[in-house]
Amino acid sequence: MKVSAYVIAYNEEEKIRDCVQTLLWADEIIVADSGSTDRTAKWAEALGAKVVQVPFNGFGDLRNQAISHCTGDWIFSLDSDERCTAEARDEIVEIVNNAESLDIYLVPRRNIFFRALD
């Protein structure tokens, strides 16, 4: 079973590298970019992600367009300001390799607001 991970992005050059780096375990990484004018696409491609340009017609359409480019049996979704933890990665890999897995899972989130910059 293969895992596709997709990220939606627009002008996220400051965040896209950290995001994509947490997905390097996936069989395929798709970055659905909505016409960024910064280096978002360049940084994503440099890490091996496939960048597809998708006009922004709402978040639902953007996510559906991103999914249409995924070829994996499983799909993992992140926004560019989100990260996949090592614990989530390990659990996903375990689920994917288990023939008795369910069809869909919810990943708990940990939100951090107003984090002090070092």
N, C-alpha and C. Protein backbone atom coordinates (compact mmCIF):
# COMPACT_ATOMS: atom_id res chain seq x y z
N MET A 1 0.84 -1.18 0.00
CA MET A 1 0.00 0.00 0.00
C MET A 1 0.89 1.25 0.00
N LYS A 2 0.50 2.20 -0.81
CA LYS A 2 1.26 3.44 -0.91
C LYS A 2 0.50 4.59 -0.27
N VAL A 3 1.27 5.53 0.27
CA VAL A 3 0.71 6.72 0.90
C VAL A 3 1.05 7.94 0.08
N SER A 4 0.02 8.70 -0.28
CA SER A 4 0.20 10.02 -0.88
C SER A 4 -0.06 11.04 0.22
N ALA A 5 0.80 12.03 0.30
CA ALA A 5 0.59 13.14 1.23
C ALA A 5 0.43 14.39 0.38
N TYR A 6 -0.57 15.19 0.71
CA TYR A 6 -0.70 16.45 -0.02
C TYR A 6 -0.73 17.63 0.93
N VAL A 7 -0.24 18.74 0.42
CA VAL A 7 -0.16 19.99 1.18
C VAL A 7 -0.78 21.07 0.31
N ILE A 8 -1.66 21.89 0.90
CA ILE A 8 -2.17 23.05 0.16
C ILE A 8 -1.34 24.26 0.58
N ALA A 9 -1.05 25.11 -0.41
CA ALA A 9 -0.15 26.23 -0.12
C ALA A 9 -0.42 27.43 -1.01
N TYR A 10 -0.11 28.60 -0.46
CA TYR A 10 -0.08 29.85 -1.23
C TYR A 10 0.88 30.79 -0.52
N ASN A 11 1.94 31.14 -1.21
CA ASN A 11 2.98 32.04 -0.66
C ASN A 11 3.44 31.60 0.73
N GLU A 12 3.92 30.37 0.80
CA GLU A 12 4.34 29.78 2.08
C GLU A 12 5.82 29.42 2.10
N GLU A 13 6.65 30.21 1.42
CA GLU A 13 8.08 29.87 1.35
C GLU A 13 8.72 29.76 2.73
N GLU A 14 8.19 30.45 3.71
CA GLU A 14 8.75 30.39 5.06
C GLU A 14 8.38 29.10 5.78
N LYS A 15 7.34 28.40 5.32
CA LYS A 15 6.84 27.22 6.03
C LYS A 15 6.93 25.93 5.23
N ILE A 16 6.97 26.01 3.92
CA ILE A 16 6.78 24.81 3.10
C ILE A 16 7.90 23.79 3.29
N ARG A 17 9.14 24.23 3.46
CA ARG A 17 10.24 23.27 3.63
C ARG A 17 10.05 22.44 4.90
N ASP A 18 9.75 23.10 6.01
CA ASP A 18 9.56 22.36 7.26
C ASP A 18 8.39 21.39 7.14
N CYS A 19 7.34 21.80 6.47
CA CYS A 19 6.18 20.94 6.28
C CYS A 19 6.54 19.72 5.44
N VAL A 20 7.09 19.95 4.27
CA VAL A 20 7.42 18.84 3.36
C VAL A 20 8.45 17.90 3.98
N GLN A 21 9.40 18.43 4.73
CA GLN A 21 10.41 17.57 5.36
C GLN A 21 9.78 16.56 6.31
N THR A 22 8.64 16.91 6.92
CA THR A 22 7.99 15.95 7.83
C THR A 22 7.20 14.90 7.06
N LEU A 23 7.16 15.01 5.73
CA LEU A 23 6.40 14.06 4.91
C LEU A 23 7.30 13.20 4.02
N LEU A 24 8.59 13.31 4.17
CA LEU A 24 9.51 12.60 3.28
C LEU A 24 9.37 11.07 3.36
N TRP A 25 8.72 10.58 4.35
CA TRP A 25 8.46 9.15 4.50
C TRP A 25 7.38 8.66 3.53
N ALA A 26 6.53 9.56 3.05
CA ALA A 26 5.42 9.19 2.17
C ALA A 26 5.95 8.76 0.81
N ASP A 27 5.18 7.92 0.13
CA ASP A 27 5.57 7.46 -1.20
C ASP A 27 5.47 8.56 -2.24
N GLU A 28 4.62 9.54 -1.97
CA GLU A 28 4.39 10.64 -2.92
C GLU A 28 3.97 11.86 -2.12
N ILE A 29 4.52 13.01 -2.49
CA ILE A 29 4.13 14.28 -1.87
C ILE A 29 3.66 15.21 -2.97
N ILE A 30 2.44 15.68 -2.83
CA ILE A 30 1.85 16.63 -3.77
C ILE A 30 1.68 17.96 -3.05
N VAL A 31 2.15 19.03 -3.64
CA VAL A 31 1.89 20.36 -3.12
C VAL A 31 0.94 21.05 -4.10
N ALA A 32 -0.26 21.32 -3.62
CA ALA A 32 -1.26 22.02 -4.43
C ALA A 32 -1.08 23.50 -4.15
N ASP A 33 -0.44 24.18 -5.09
CA ASP A 33 -0.09 25.59 -4.95
C ASP A 33 -1.10 26.43 -5.74
N SER A 34 -1.55 27.50 -5.13
CA SER A 34 -2.54 28.36 -5.78
C SER A 34 -1.89 29.62 -6.34
N GLY A 35 -0.86 29.43 -7.15
CA GLY A 35 -0.24 30.56 -7.83
C GLY A 35 0.66 31.41 -6.97
N SER A 36 1.41 30.80 -6.09
CA SER A 36 2.33 31.55 -5.24
C SER A 36 3.27 32.41 -6.07
N THR A 37 3.58 33.58 -5.53
CA THR A 37 4.50 34.49 -6.21
C THR A 37 5.87 34.51 -5.51
N ASP A 38 6.03 33.67 -4.50
CA ASP A 38 7.31 33.56 -3.81
C ASP A 38 7.98 32.24 -4.21
N ARG A 39 8.84 31.70 -3.38
CA ARG A 39 9.59 30.48 -3.72
C ARG A 39 8.96 29.20 -3.17
N THR A 40 7.67 29.24 -2.89
CA THR A 40 7.00 28.05 -2.35
C THR A 40 7.21 26.84 -3.25
N ALA A 41 6.91 26.96 -4.52
CA ALA A 41 7.03 25.83 -5.45
C ALA A 41 8.47 25.37 -5.57
N LYS A 42 9.40 26.29 -5.65
CA LYS A 42 10.82 25.95 -5.79
C LYS A 42 11.31 25.12 -4.61
N TRP A 43 10.97 25.55 -3.38
CA TRP A 43 11.43 24.84 -2.20
C TRP A 43 10.78 23.46 -2.11
N ALA A 44 9.50 23.36 -2.44
CA ALA A 44 8.81 22.07 -2.40
C ALA A 44 9.42 21.10 -3.41
N GLU A 45 9.65 21.56 -4.62
CA GLU A 45 10.23 20.71 -5.66
C GLU A 45 11.65 20.27 -5.28
N ALA A 46 12.41 21.16 -4.64
CA ALA A 46 13.77 20.82 -4.24
C ALA A 46 13.80 19.66 -3.25
N LEU A 47 12.71 19.48 -2.52
CA LEU A 47 12.62 18.37 -1.56
C LEU A 47 11.97 17.13 -2.18
N GLY A 48 11.64 17.20 -3.46
CA GLY A 48 11.08 16.03 -4.13
C GLY A 48 9.58 16.02 -4.26
N ALA A 49 8.92 17.06 -3.83
CA ALA A 49 7.46 17.12 -3.96
C ALA A 49 7.08 17.43 -5.40
N LYS A 50 5.95 16.91 -5.81
CA LYS A 50 5.37 17.27 -7.11
C LYS A 50 4.45 18.46 -6.85
N VAL A 51 4.71 19.56 -7.53
CA VAL A 51 3.90 20.77 -7.36
C VAL A 51 2.90 20.86 -8.50
N VAL A 52 1.63 21.01 -8.14
CA VAL A 52 0.58 21.21 -9.13
C VAL A 52 -0.06 22.56 -8.86
N GLN A 53 -0.29 23.30 -9.92
CA GLN A 53 -0.91 24.60 -9.79
C GLN A 53 -2.43 24.44 -9.86
N VAL A 54 -3.10 24.93 -8.82
CA VAL A 54 -4.55 24.81 -8.72
C VAL A 54 -5.12 26.19 -8.40
N PRO A 55 -5.93 26.76 -9.29
CA PRO A 55 -6.54 28.05 -8.98
C PRO A 55 -7.40 27.95 -7.72
N PHE A 56 -7.36 28.98 -6.89
CA PHE A 56 -8.12 28.94 -5.65
C PHE A 56 -9.58 29.28 -5.92
N ASN A 57 -10.43 28.28 -5.73
CA ASN A 57 -11.88 28.44 -5.84
C ASN A 57 -12.54 27.93 -4.56
N GLY A 58 -11.90 28.20 -3.44
CA GLY A 58 -12.38 27.73 -2.15
C GLY A 58 -11.57 26.54 -1.68
N PHE A 59 -11.56 26.34 -0.36
CA PHE A 59 -10.74 25.28 0.21
C PHE A 59 -11.24 23.89 -0.14
N GLY A 60 -12.54 23.71 -0.23
CA GLY A 60 -13.07 22.41 -0.61
C GLY A 60 -12.60 21.99 -1.99
N ASP A 61 -12.71 22.91 -2.95
CA ASP A 61 -12.26 22.61 -4.31
C ASP A 61 -10.75 22.39 -4.34
N LEU A 62 -10.01 23.19 -3.60
CA LEU A 62 -8.55 23.05 -3.57
C LEU A 62 -8.15 21.67 -3.05
N ARG A 63 -8.78 21.23 -1.99
CA ARG A 63 -8.47 19.90 -1.44
C ARG A 63 -8.88 18.80 -2.42
N ASN A 64 -10.04 18.93 -3.03
CA ASN A 64 -10.48 17.92 -4.00
C ASN A 64 -9.54 17.86 -5.20
N GLN A 65 -9.08 19.02 -5.67
CA GLN A 65 -8.13 19.04 -6.78
C GLN A 65 -6.81 18.38 -6.37
N ALA A 66 -6.36 18.64 -5.15
CA ALA A 66 -5.13 18.02 -4.66
C ALA A 66 -5.29 16.50 -4.62
N ILE A 67 -6.41 16.03 -4.10
CA ILE A 67 -6.68 14.59 -4.02
C ILE A 67 -6.67 13.96 -5.40
N SER A 68 -7.17 14.69 -6.40
CA SER A 68 -7.22 14.12 -7.75
C SER A 68 -5.83 13.86 -8.32
N HIS A 69 -4.81 14.47 -7.77
CA HIS A 69 -3.43 14.26 -8.23
C HIS A 69 -2.71 13.17 -7.44
N CYS A 70 -3.33 12.69 -6.39
CA CYS A 70 -2.72 11.65 -5.56
C CYS A 70 -2.94 10.27 -6.18
N THR A 71 -1.90 9.45 -6.16
CA THR A 71 -2.00 8.12 -6.73
C THR A 71 -1.93 7.01 -5.69
N GLY A 72 -1.73 7.35 -4.44
CA GLY A 72 -1.59 6.35 -3.39
C GLY A 72 -2.91 5.71 -2.98
N ASP A 73 -2.79 4.60 -2.26
CA ASP A 73 -3.96 3.90 -1.72
C ASP A 73 -4.51 4.66 -0.51
N TRP A 74 -3.65 5.35 0.19
CA TRP A 74 -4.00 6.17 1.35
C TRP A 74 -3.60 7.60 1.06
N ILE A 75 -4.34 8.54 1.63
CA ILE A 75 -4.04 9.96 1.43
C ILE A 75 -3.96 10.64 2.79
N PHE A 76 -2.89 11.39 3.00
CA PHE A 76 -2.67 12.15 4.22
C PHE A 76 -2.62 13.62 3.85
N SER A 77 -3.38 14.44 4.55
CA SER A 77 -3.54 15.85 4.21
C SER A 77 -2.95 16.75 5.28
N LEU A 78 -2.19 17.76 4.83
CA LEU A 78 -1.67 18.79 5.73
C LEU A 78 -1.81 20.15 5.08
N ASP A 79 -1.93 21.17 5.90
CA ASP A 79 -1.77 22.54 5.42
C ASP A 79 -0.30 22.88 5.59
N SER A 80 0.16 23.90 4.91
CA SER A 80 1.59 24.22 4.93
C SER A 80 2.10 24.68 6.29
N ASP A 81 1.21 25.10 7.18
CA ASP A 81 1.66 25.49 8.51
C ASP A 81 1.54 24.35 9.51
N GLU A 82 1.27 23.15 9.03
CA GLU A 82 1.16 21.97 9.88
C GLU A 82 2.37 21.07 9.68
N ARG A 83 2.62 20.20 10.65
CA ARG A 83 3.73 19.26 10.58
C ARG A 83 3.23 17.87 10.97
N CYS A 84 3.82 16.85 10.37
CA CYS A 84 3.53 15.47 10.74
C CYS A 84 4.58 15.06 11.77
N THR A 85 4.14 14.70 12.96
CA THR A 85 5.08 14.29 13.99
C THR A 85 5.61 12.89 13.70
N ALA A 86 6.71 12.56 14.32
CA ALA A 86 7.27 11.21 14.17
C ALA A 86 6.29 10.16 14.67
N GLU A 87 5.56 10.49 15.74
CA GLU A 87 4.59 9.55 16.29
C GLU A 87 3.44 9.30 15.31
N ALA A 88 2.96 10.35 14.68
CA ALA A 88 1.89 10.20 13.67
C ALA A 88 2.41 9.40 12.48
N ARG A 89 3.61 9.73 12.03
CA ARG A 89 4.22 9.00 10.92
C ARG A 89 4.29 7.51 11.21
N ASP A 90 4.81 7.16 12.38
CA ASP A 90 4.97 5.76 12.74
C ASP A 90 3.63 5.04 12.80
N GLU A 91 2.62 5.69 13.35
CA GLU A 91 1.30 5.08 13.42
C GLU A 91 0.69 4.91 12.04
N ILE A 92 0.87 5.90 11.18
CA ILE A 92 0.36 5.80 9.81
C ILE A 92 1.01 4.63 9.08
N VAL A 93 2.32 4.52 9.18
CA VAL A 93 3.04 3.42 8.51
C VAL A 93 2.54 2.07 9.04
N GLU A 94 2.32 1.98 10.34
CA GLU A 94 1.82 0.74 10.92
C GLU A 94 0.42 0.41 10.40
N ILE A 95 -0.44 1.40 10.33
CA ILE A 95 -1.80 1.20 9.82
C ILE A 95 -1.77 0.75 8.36
N VAL A 96 -0.98 1.42 7.56
CA VAL A 96 -0.90 1.11 6.13
C VAL A 96 -0.41 -0.31 5.90
N ASN A 97 0.47 -0.78 6.75
CA ASN A 97 1.02 -2.12 6.59
C ASN A 97 0.17 -3.21 7.24
N ASN A 98 -0.98 -2.83 7.82
CA ASN A 98 -1.87 -3.78 8.47
C ASN A 98 -3.07 -4.05 7.55
N ALA A 99 -3.18 -5.26 7.06
CA ALA A 99 -4.25 -5.62 6.13
C ALA A 99 -5.64 -5.47 6.74
N GLU A 100 -5.75 -5.46 8.07
CA GLU A 100 -7.05 -5.36 8.73
C GLU A 100 -7.39 -3.93 9.14
N SER A 101 -6.69 -2.95 8.61
CA SER A 101 -6.93 -1.55 8.95
C SER A 101 -8.32 -1.10 8.50
N LEU A 102 -8.78 -0.07 9.15
CA LEU A 102 -10.04 0.55 8.75
C LEU A 102 -9.82 1.38 7.49
N ASP A 103 -10.85 2.04 7.01
CA ASP A 103 -10.77 2.82 5.77
C ASP A 103 -10.41 4.28 5.98
N ILE A 104 -10.65 4.78 7.19
CA ILE A 104 -10.42 6.21 7.44
C ILE A 104 -10.03 6.39 8.90
N TYR A 105 -9.18 7.37 9.17
CA TYR A 105 -8.73 7.65 10.52
C TYR A 105 -8.72 9.15 10.75
N LEU A 106 -8.87 9.53 12.00
CA LEU A 106 -8.76 10.92 12.42
C LEU A 106 -7.45 11.06 13.19
N VAL A 107 -6.67 12.05 12.84
CA VAL A 107 -5.40 12.29 13.52
C VAL A 107 -5.62 13.43 14.51
N PRO A 108 -5.37 13.19 15.80
CA PRO A 108 -5.51 14.27 16.77
C PRO A 108 -4.56 15.42 16.44
N ARG A 109 -4.98 16.62 16.77
CA ARG A 109 -4.18 17.81 16.48
C ARG A 109 -3.72 18.45 17.78
N ARG A 110 -2.57 19.06 17.72
CA ARG A 110 -2.08 19.87 18.82
C ARG A 110 -1.84 21.26 18.24
N ASN A 111 -2.64 22.22 18.65
CA ASN A 111 -2.52 23.58 18.15
C ASN A 111 -1.66 24.41 19.08
N ILE A 112 -0.79 25.20 18.48
CA ILE A 112 0.06 26.11 19.24
C ILE A 112 -0.20 27.52 18.73
N PHE A 113 -0.66 28.39 19.62
CA PHE A 113 -0.94 29.77 19.25
C PHE A 113 0.02 30.70 19.97
N PHE A 114 0.42 31.73 19.27
CA PHE A 114 1.27 32.76 19.87
C PHE A 114 2.53 32.18 20.51
N ARG A 115 3.17 31.32 19.78
CA ARG A 115 4.41 30.73 20.27
C ARG A 115 5.52 31.78 20.22
N ALA A 116 6.26 31.89 21.28
CA ALA A 116 7.35 32.86 21.33
C ALA A 116 8.45 32.43 20.37
N LEU A 117 8.96 33.38 19.62
CA LEU A 117 10.06 33.11 18.70
C LEU A 117 11.38 33.19 19.44
N ASP A 118 12.27 32.28 19.13
CA ASP A 118 13.58 32.28 19.79
C ASP A 118 14.49 33.32 19.20
